[in-house]
Each structure stands twice: as C-alpha cells, then as structure tokens.
Amino acid sequence: MKQTPLRTIHEEAGARLVPFGGWNMPLQYRPILEEARKVRAEVGLFDLCHMGRFEVQGPDAEAFLQRCLTNDISKIKPGFIRYALLCKEDGGVLDDVLVYHAADQEDRYFVVVNASNTEKDWNWLQEHRSGFDCELRDRTAELAMIALQGRHSAKVLQEISELDLGTLGYYKWAPAKVLGFDAEISRTGYTGEDGFEIYFPVEKAEETWKALVDKGSPFGLWPIGLGARDTLRLEAGMSLYGHELTEDINPLEAGLQWAVRLKTDFIGRDALQKIKEEGPKRKLVGLRIEGKRVPRQGYPVLAGEEMVGEVASGTYSPTLEGNIATAFVPSDLDESREDLSVQIRNSRAKARVSPLPFYKKDYEI
C-alpha cells in the first residue's frame, strides 16, 4: 500500500485511513456529512498526492496527446487546462484526465490521472508514444498535490502565495512562489466550488499543509477526506471513474460529448463517430429518490415493473437534504414518467429524473 507524504499528519489529526486506488488515504476526519457541509459553506483542504501526475515535453508533445485524448489539445492555450478522456479503440473509457499546457514552455504539458488508473494510463501512453518526438515522465512520486475547495479558498491560499490569485481564471494554471519555494497553482476542482490545486516538491508537503491549516483557521478551514469529496462531486454532477465511466461505458452515453472532438484523429474516434451517428443506446441521468434508504451502485432502476437501468453512483446529499443518484437508462426513456423507482434491497423507493448537476454554487469567482 502506497503512503502519501502527509500520512503522519493525517494520523495525528485522527483521520480514518482506508485503501483507495492502491494508496492509504484519509476517508474522513469528522463525520462525512459535516465535512461536506464545511466545504459548501467555507473551505476544505484535500490531500491529492495519490493522483497520477505525468509530464509530456518535446516537439511532438501536442501531436502525441492529440492522438491519445478525445479533446482538441491544439486549442489549449499556454496557461490553460482542459478535461479529456483516454479511450480504447471501441470508444470505452480508460480514464478521464486533466491536461495542462505550461504557460512558460510551449512544448510542455502536464496530465493528471486517477490514482486507480495511474499504472494503466502510463502503460497505455507508453505503448502509443512510438513515432512521436517527446519525453513522457511520471512525476507522481516527486511532486506533492494538495487542494483547497470552497468559497474562501482564494483567501486562504493568498496567505501563502505570491501569485495574485485574482488574475488566475477558472481552468488556468501558473507558476508561483508558495512559502518562498517554486510551485505551480491551478484553479479547477472536483466539488462544484471555487478551488485550487498546488503542485510542489514532495519534501515541502508537511510544511505547506501545516501552513494552510494555520492560515485557514480564521476562515473555518478543515482537512477533508475522500468520503465528503465523493458526496460533493456527485452533487456537482461530476463523473467518477469506476461509476459513471468505465471501459464498458463510452463518453457519449456518459453525457461527455463536450469533451469529445470528432474532427481530431484520436484513438477510439471511429467507434465514437459511429455511436454518434446511430445514437447512444443509453444515457446518464440524475435521480432524486424518496425515503431514507441510500441508493448504491448497481441497484436496479425500474419503470413500472420493468428494470430499465441501474444506479451508477448514489449518496445522501447534505446540501439538498435528500438522496440522489446517477443512473444509466435507455436513451429513449421518457424522463417525465411518474412510475420510476429504485430497488433498494427488499423495497422500492420512488424516483424522479433530475437535471445534472444537482448543485451549482451561488457565487462568482
């Protein structure tokens, strides 16, 4: 089991540590619902050192990533970030990733991948790098990655950063001095709130974490675990690999058409073009579910007495004060049907289709 450089700090803070993606990670420090509410109301601090971090650099870096990823890499301006997917030839999703184009080096890109897929993604990229003049480096072990999420995140990070965060727009990144050392800061997130990620030498991890806890205290900052992170991302309608995305799910049926540029020649393009022309056979929808029982992945979705799909993710939403889920159902399902339900063990809970995302922040950044 891999350990992040912040393990000792998590243990000292009383975190409950669990295996996740091959890493020993904090699930929670306090009750999960309290942690989720804290991020929505104020600000939370996350250890993301388990995420995979690859660097691609060289004359053919853009062309290489263009071949491997679904989004149009040529359109990513220096200092900007885009969401994209790695697909198999049949269009199934290997992973969803963020692609960063360096502001200070035209031929340098940074790719952040899911922890559970790091080895798979690395091997896939290496397998398809032949013929491209670029270097691929795995920087996961040498760079720490932590995040701030919540409406007060900019105020907290500004306390230790020399970069004017007001100049850093959404889905942008830039080099910065943090506590006097070199780092890079991005403005994205996985909670539906304003937020930042900081990338810096791994030996500075404890110092940086402690400084953020100290400076964030007046703003109500708490360390936050994976449990609340999952609740927050589901409220925000964001996909989680292994749930809304798998090798057997393609991005069109997962509602990610906006991250697929069929005019580019990426692996899986022909299959996705055919799926688009014929129409996906299923679609991802949001569900609001009555009752106290929480829906979980794999639970059947019924229309009347007929099973028409299954839950991809489900949780209790502290923001909406009720149970929510995503589910795959037939593309032609009438979303206004009033006889939808979810089979939860030996009983059924009434469900209705709800637009995604379930939650949108009520402030500007």
Protein backbone atom coordinates (compact mmCIF):
# COMPACT_ATOMS: atom_id res chain seq x y z
CA MET A 1 0.00 0.00 0.00
CA LYS A 2 1.44 3.37 -1.01
CA GLN A 3 1.58 6.22 1.51
CA THR A 4 1.29 9.93 0.78
CA PRO A 5 3.90 12.27 2.33
CA LEU A 6 1.12 13.53 4.61
CA ARG A 7 0.25 10.22 6.25
CA THR A 8 1.70 11.15 9.65
CA ILE A 9 -0.24 14.42 9.67
CA HIS A 10 -3.46 12.58 8.84
CA GLU A 11 -2.89 10.10 11.67
CA GLU A 12 -2.16 12.91 14.13
CA ALA A 13 -5.40 14.61 13.08
CA GLY A 14 -7.35 11.43 13.85
CA ALA A 15 -8.22 10.59 10.26
CA ARG A 16 -9.74 7.25 9.40
CA LEU A 17 -7.39 5.83 6.77
CA VAL A 18 -8.61 3.37 4.12
CA PRO A 19 -7.20 1.74 0.97
CA PHE A 20 -8.06 3.68 -2.18
CA GLY A 21 -6.54 3.18 -5.63
CA GLY A 22 -3.55 1.42 -4.10
CA TRP A 23 -2.96 4.20 -1.56
CA ASN A 24 -3.64 4.58 2.15
CA MET A 25 -5.92 7.64 2.18
CA PRO A 26 -7.99 9.61 4.72
CA LEU A 27 -11.67 8.73 4.33
CA GLN A 28 -12.74 11.23 6.99
CA TYR A 29 -11.52 13.26 9.96
CA ARG A 30 -15.03 14.12 11.20
CA PRO A 31 -18.47 12.87 10.14
CA ILE A 32 -18.63 12.85 6.34
CA LEU A 33 -21.77 14.98 6.10
CA GLU A 34 -20.23 17.64 8.36
CA GLU A 35 -17.14 17.73 6.16
CA ALA A 36 -19.26 18.13 3.02
CA ARG A 37 -21.19 20.99 4.59
CA LYS A 38 -17.94 22.65 5.62
CA VAL A 39 -16.70 22.77 2.01
CA ARG A 40 -20.02 24.17 0.77
CA ALA A 41 -20.12 26.84 3.49
CA GLU A 42 -16.44 27.76 3.95
CA VAL A 43 -13.34 25.87 2.80
CA GLY A 44 -11.72 22.43 2.90
CA LEU A 45 -8.18 21.10 2.45
CA PHE A 46 -7.57 17.87 0.50
CA ASP A 47 -4.57 15.55 0.11
CA LEU A 48 -4.45 14.61 -3.60
CA CYS A 49 -0.96 13.12 -3.64
CA HIS A 50 -2.48 9.81 -4.75
CA MET A 51 -3.45 11.24 -8.15
CA GLY A 52 -1.14 10.33 -11.04
CA ARG A 53 0.95 13.17 -12.49
CA PHE A 54 2.64 12.82 -15.88
CA GLU A 55 4.70 15.34 -17.80
CA VAL A 56 4.93 15.32 -21.59
CA GLN A 57 7.53 17.52 -23.26
CA GLY A 58 9.09 17.81 -26.68
CA PRO A 59 8.41 18.95 -30.27
CA ASP A 60 5.66 16.33 -30.73
CA ALA A 61 4.06 16.64 -27.28
CA GLU A 62 0.92 18.23 -28.68
CA ALA A 63 0.60 15.73 -31.54
CA PHE A 64 1.13 12.79 -29.16
CA LEU A 65 -1.56 13.94 -26.74
CA GLN A 66 -3.86 14.78 -29.65
CA ARG A 67 -3.62 11.16 -30.77
CA CYS A 68 -4.32 9.76 -27.30
CA LEU A 69 -7.02 12.09 -25.97
CA THR A 70 -10.56 12.94 -27.04
CA ASN A 71 -10.43 16.72 -26.64
CA ASP A 72 -8.69 19.12 -29.03
CA ILE A 73 -5.25 19.57 -27.48
CA SER A 74 -4.25 22.11 -30.16
CA LYS A 75 -6.85 24.50 -28.72
CA ILE A 76 -5.33 24.54 -25.22
CA LYS A 77 -3.54 27.86 -24.95
CA PRO A 78 -0.43 28.13 -22.74
CA GLY A 79 -1.54 28.50 -19.13
CA PHE A 80 -4.91 26.80 -19.73
CA ILE A 81 -6.37 23.40 -18.77
CA ARG A 82 -8.87 21.07 -20.44
CA TYR A 83 -10.78 17.96 -19.45
CA ALA A 84 -10.34 14.96 -21.77
CA LEU A 85 -10.65 11.19 -21.92
CA LEU A 86 -8.40 8.29 -22.83
CA CYS A 87 -10.42 5.81 -24.89
CA LYS A 88 -9.95 2.33 -26.27
CA GLU A 89 -10.45 1.61 -29.96
CA ASP A 90 -14.08 0.68 -29.27
CA GLY A 91 -14.73 4.01 -27.52
CA GLY A 92 -14.77 2.64 -23.97
CA VAL A 93 -13.16 4.98 -21.45
CA LEU A 94 -9.78 4.07 -19.98
CA ASP A 95 -9.71 7.19 -17.82
CA ASP A 96 -10.76 10.82 -17.57
CA VAL A 97 -7.93 13.30 -17.14
CA LEU A 98 -7.00 16.97 -16.93
CA VAL A 99 -4.47 18.28 -19.48
CA TYR A 100 -2.41 21.35 -18.58
CA HIS A 101 -0.44 23.39 -21.14
CA ALA A 102 2.50 25.12 -19.49
CA ALA A 103 2.45 28.92 -19.58
CA ASP A 104 6.23 29.21 -19.76
CA GLN A 105 7.10 26.33 -22.14
CA GLU A 106 5.12 25.84 -25.36
CA ASP A 107 6.15 22.19 -25.71
CA ARG A 108 5.40 21.11 -22.12
CA TYR A 109 2.15 19.54 -20.95
CA PHE A 110 1.03 18.07 -17.65
CA VAL A 111 -1.58 15.31 -17.36
CA VAL A 112 -3.34 14.46 -14.08
CA VAL A 113 -4.93 10.99 -13.99
CA ASN A 114 -6.95 8.96 -11.50
CA ALA A 115 -5.00 7.13 -8.80
CA SER A 116 -6.51 3.73 -9.55
CA ASN A 117 -5.61 4.08 -13.24
CA THR A 118 -2.10 5.54 -12.99
CA GLU A 119 -0.24 2.37 -13.99
CA LYS A 120 -2.77 1.50 -16.71
CA ASP A 121 -2.65 5.02 -18.15
CA TRP A 122 1.15 5.11 -18.05
CA ASN A 123 1.42 1.83 -19.92
CA TRP A 124 -1.17 2.93 -22.48
CA LEU A 125 0.64 6.21 -23.17
CA GLN A 126 4.00 4.46 -23.41
CA GLU A 127 2.52 1.92 -25.82
CA HIS A 128 1.33 4.66 -28.17
CA ARG A 129 4.32 7.03 -27.92
CA SER A 130 6.28 5.37 -30.73
CA GLY A 131 6.93 7.76 -33.61
CA PHE A 132 6.44 10.91 -31.54
CA ASP A 133 9.42 13.08 -30.57
CA CYS A 134 8.59 13.76 -26.94
CA GLU A 135 9.51 12.64 -23.45
CA LEU A 136 7.00 11.14 -21.02
CA ARG A 137 7.85 11.40 -17.32
CA ASP A 138 5.98 10.08 -14.30
CA ARG A 139 6.30 12.81 -11.67
CA THR A 140 3.83 11.35 -9.17
CA ALA A 141 6.48 10.48 -6.59
CA GLU A 142 8.42 13.75 -6.79
CA LEU A 143 5.57 16.27 -6.76
CA ALA A 144 3.05 16.70 -3.97
CA MET A 145 -0.51 17.71 -4.86
CA ILE A 146 -2.94 19.26 -2.41
CA ALA A 147 -6.15 21.18 -2.99
CA LEU A 148 -8.29 23.86 -1.42
CA GLN A 149 -12.01 23.88 -2.21
CA GLY A 150 -14.73 26.25 -1.09
CA ARG A 151 -15.81 29.87 -1.32
CA HIS A 152 -12.94 31.01 0.93
CA SER A 153 -10.22 29.01 -0.85
CA ALA A 154 -8.66 32.01 -2.64
CA LYS A 155 -8.44 33.98 0.61
CA VAL A 156 -6.64 31.11 2.36
CA LEU A 157 -4.20 30.33 -0.45
CA GLN A 158 -3.38 34.01 -0.95
CA GLU A 159 -1.96 33.99 2.58
CA ILE A 160 0.97 31.81 1.45
CA SER A 161 1.19 32.53 -2.29
CA GLU A 162 2.96 35.40 -4.03
CA LEU A 163 0.79 34.92 -7.12
CA ASP A 164 -2.17 37.31 -7.32
CA LEU A 165 -4.92 34.71 -7.42
CA GLY A 166 -7.37 37.28 -8.75
CA THR A 167 -5.51 37.04 -12.08
CA LEU A 168 -5.87 33.25 -12.26
CA GLY A 169 -9.10 32.37 -14.04
CA TYR A 170 -11.05 29.12 -13.92
CA TYR A 171 -9.26 26.22 -15.65
CA LYS A 172 -5.98 28.11 -15.77
CA TRP A 173 -2.64 27.43 -14.08
CA ALA A 174 0.58 29.35 -13.48
CA PRO A 175 3.99 29.10 -11.81
CA ALA A 176 4.03 30.67 -8.36
CA LYS A 177 6.05 31.15 -5.21
CA VAL A 178 4.43 29.40 -2.25
CA LEU A 179 6.06 29.90 1.15
CA GLY A 180 9.08 31.13 -0.79
CA PHE A 181 9.62 27.99 -2.92
CA ASP A 182 8.71 27.24 -6.54
CA ALA A 183 5.29 25.71 -7.17
CA GLU A 184 2.50 25.68 -9.73
CA ILE A 185 -1.11 26.56 -8.97
CA SER A 186 -4.22 25.59 -10.94
CA ARG A 187 -7.81 26.72 -10.49
CA THR A 188 -10.10 23.75 -11.03
CA GLY A 189 -11.73 21.31 -8.64
CA TYR A 190 -13.96 18.32 -8.04
CA THR A 191 -16.57 19.71 -5.69
CA GLY A 192 -18.55 22.32 -7.63
CA GLU A 193 -16.95 25.09 -5.59
CA ASP A 194 -14.17 27.55 -6.34
CA GLY A 195 -10.85 25.86 -5.70
CA PHE A 196 -7.17 25.43 -6.36
CA GLU A 197 -4.56 22.68 -6.66
CA ILE A 198 -0.94 23.25 -5.69
CA TYR A 199 1.93 21.22 -7.18
CA PHE A 200 5.30 21.44 -5.46
CA PRO A 201 8.32 19.38 -4.30
CA VAL A 202 7.20 16.47 -2.17
CA GLU A 203 9.64 17.35 0.64
CA LYS A 204 7.62 20.54 1.23
CA ALA A 205 4.34 18.70 1.76
CA GLU A 206 4.10 18.80 5.56
CA GLU A 207 5.24 22.42 5.75
CA THR A 208 2.67 23.50 3.18
CA TRP A 209 -0.19 21.53 4.74
CA LYS A 210 0.51 22.93 8.22
CA ALA A 211 0.76 26.48 6.88
CA LEU A 212 -2.61 26.17 5.14
CA VAL A 213 -4.24 24.73 8.26
CA ASP A 214 -2.83 27.64 10.27
CA LYS A 215 -3.70 30.39 7.80
CA GLY A 216 -7.06 28.84 7.02
CA SER A 217 -8.24 28.59 10.60
CA PRO A 218 -9.79 32.11 10.66
CA PHE A 219 -11.75 31.18 7.52
CA GLY A 220 -13.10 27.95 9.03
CA LEU A 221 -10.82 25.54 7.15
CA TRP A 222 -10.96 21.82 7.89
CA PRO A 223 -9.00 18.92 6.38
CA ILE A 224 -11.47 16.89 4.30
CA GLY A 225 -11.44 13.19 3.42
CA LEU A 226 -12.44 11.10 0.41
CA GLY A 227 -15.94 10.42 1.73
CA ALA A 228 -17.05 14.04 1.60
CA ARG A 229 -15.19 14.53 -1.69
CA ASP A 230 -17.32 11.81 -3.29
CA THR A 231 -20.53 13.34 -1.94
CA LEU A 232 -19.54 16.80 -3.19
CA ARG A 233 -18.60 15.64 -6.69
CA LEU A 234 -21.88 13.74 -7.07
CA GLU A 235 -23.87 16.81 -6.02
CA ALA A 236 -21.90 18.75 -8.66
CA GLY A 237 -22.69 16.12 -11.31
CA MET A 238 -19.07 15.14 -11.87
CA SER A 239 -18.15 11.66 -13.08
CA LEU A 240 -16.11 9.21 -11.02
CA TYR A 241 -14.14 6.54 -12.84
CA GLY A 242 -15.48 3.11 -12.00
CA HIS A 243 -19.01 4.52 -11.68
CA GLU A 244 -20.11 6.91 -14.45
CA LEU A 245 -17.08 5.93 -16.54
CA THR A 246 -15.52 2.51 -17.24
CA GLU A 247 -14.01 0.63 -20.16
CA ASP A 248 -17.55 -0.55 -20.95
CA ILE A 249 -19.02 2.96 -20.94
CA ASN A 250 -18.32 5.46 -23.71
CA PRO A 251 -18.24 9.24 -23.20
CA LEU A 252 -21.29 9.91 -25.37
CA GLU A 253 -23.63 7.85 -23.22
CA ALA A 254 -21.98 9.34 -20.11
CA GLY A 255 -23.02 12.82 -21.23
CA LEU A 256 -19.50 13.99 -22.03
CA GLN A 257 -19.97 14.95 -25.68
CA TRP A 258 -18.45 18.35 -24.89
CA ALA A 259 -15.09 16.68 -24.17
CA VAL A 260 -15.04 14.74 -27.48
CA ARG A 261 -13.80 16.43 -30.66
CA LEU A 262 -14.59 14.04 -33.51
CA LYS A 263 -12.75 16.26 -36.02
CA THR A 264 -9.44 15.18 -34.46
CA ASP A 265 -7.82 11.77 -35.06
CA PHE A 266 -7.69 10.19 -31.60
CA ILE A 267 -7.78 6.53 -30.60
CA GLY A 268 -11.43 5.47 -30.48
CA ARG A 269 -12.65 8.26 -32.77
CA ASP A 270 -14.12 5.98 -35.46
CA ALA A 271 -16.09 3.98 -32.91
CA LEU A 272 -17.45 7.13 -31.26
CA GLN A 273 -18.35 8.61 -34.65
CA LYS A 274 -20.44 5.52 -35.38
CA ILE A 275 -22.09 5.66 -31.95
CA LYS A 276 -22.95 9.32 -32.52
CA GLU A 277 -24.48 8.57 -35.93
CA GLU A 278 -26.53 5.64 -34.65
CA GLY A 279 -27.32 7.29 -31.34
CA PRO A 280 -26.16 6.02 -27.93
CA LYS A 281 -28.30 3.18 -26.63
CA ARG A 282 -28.31 4.51 -23.08
CA LYS A 283 -27.88 7.81 -21.27
CA LEU A 284 -26.82 9.03 -17.85
CA VAL A 285 -29.48 10.79 -15.79
CA GLY A 286 -29.75 12.25 -12.33
CA LEU A 287 -32.33 10.89 -9.89
CA ARG A 288 -33.89 12.36 -6.76
CA ILE A 289 -35.03 9.49 -4.56
CA GLU A 290 -37.65 9.49 -1.83
CA GLY A 291 -37.23 7.81 1.54
CA LYS A 292 -34.39 7.29 3.96
CA ARG A 293 -32.53 4.45 2.25
CA VAL A 294 -29.49 5.46 0.22
CA PRO A 295 -29.19 4.13 -3.36
CA ARG A 296 -25.88 2.45 -4.22
CA GLN A 297 -24.04 1.49 -7.39
CA GLY A 298 -25.66 -1.42 -9.19
CA TYR A 299 -29.13 -1.05 -7.67
CA PRO A 300 -31.84 -1.65 -10.31
CA VAL A 301 -33.85 1.24 -11.75
CA LEU A 302 -37.41 0.32 -12.69
CA ALA A 303 -40.13 1.87 -14.83
CA GLY A 304 -43.28 0.29 -13.53
CA GLU A 305 -42.42 -3.39 -13.18
CA GLU A 306 -39.68 -3.35 -15.83
CA MET A 307 -35.99 -3.00 -14.97
CA VAL A 308 -34.67 -0.29 -17.30
CA GLY A 309 -31.25 0.54 -15.86
CA GLU A 310 -29.05 0.66 -12.81
CA VAL A 311 -27.54 3.17 -10.43
CA ALA A 312 -24.01 4.40 -11.20
CA SER A 313 -23.48 6.45 -8.00
CA GLY A 314 -25.71 7.23 -5.06
CA THR A 315 -25.50 9.09 -1.76
CA TYR A 316 -27.33 11.21 0.76
CA SER A 317 -26.89 14.87 -0.18
CA PRO A 318 -26.48 17.16 2.84
CA THR A 319 -26.86 20.17 0.56
CA LEU A 320 -30.19 19.01 -0.89
CA GLU A 321 -31.20 17.13 2.27
CA GLY A 322 -32.22 14.02 0.39
CA ASN A 323 -30.99 11.02 -1.53
CA ILE A 324 -29.56 11.47 -5.02
CA ALA A 325 -28.10 9.18 -7.66
CA THR A 326 -26.90 8.95 -11.22
CA ALA A 327 -28.12 6.06 -13.34
CA PHE A 328 -27.80 4.66 -16.84
CA VAL A 329 -31.16 4.19 -18.54
CA PRO A 330 -32.30 3.66 -22.17
CA SER A 331 -31.81 6.73 -24.36
CA ASP A 332 -35.50 6.74 -25.29
CA LEU A 333 -36.76 6.60 -21.69
CA ASP A 334 -39.44 9.22 -21.04
CA GLU A 335 -37.87 11.27 -18.24
CA SER A 336 -41.24 12.62 -17.15
CA ARG A 337 -42.54 9.17 -16.16
CA GLU A 338 -44.02 9.07 -12.68
CA ASP A 339 -43.59 5.33 -12.13
CA LEU A 340 -39.80 5.29 -11.79
CA SER A 341 -38.26 3.65 -8.74
CA VAL A 342 -35.02 2.20 -7.42
CA GLN A 343 -34.90 -1.28 -5.90
CA ILE A 344 -33.10 -0.87 -2.57
CA ARG A 345 -32.69 -4.31 -1.06
CA ASN A 346 -36.21 -5.67 -0.47
CA SER A 347 -38.13 -2.47 -1.10
CA ARG A 348 -38.58 0.17 -3.76
CA ALA A 349 -38.00 3.89 -3.42
CA LYS A 350 -39.85 6.29 -5.71
CA ALA A 351 -37.53 8.22 -8.04
CA ARG A 352 -37.78 11.11 -10.45
CA VAL A 353 -35.33 12.32 -13.05
CA SER A 354 -33.49 15.49 -12.03
CA PRO A 355 -31.23 17.69 -14.17
CA LEU A 356 -27.48 17.39 -13.68
CA PRO A 357 -25.72 18.88 -11.86
CA PHE A 358 -27.82 18.67 -8.72
CA TYR A 359 -25.93 21.64 -7.24
CA LYS A 360 -24.44 24.87 -8.61
CA LYS A 361 -22.54 27.38 -6.48
CA ASP A 362 -24.32 30.65 -5.75
CA TYR A 363 -21.32 32.98 -6.07
CA GLU A 364 -18.93 34.23 -8.75
CA ILE A 365 -15.16 33.73 -8.81
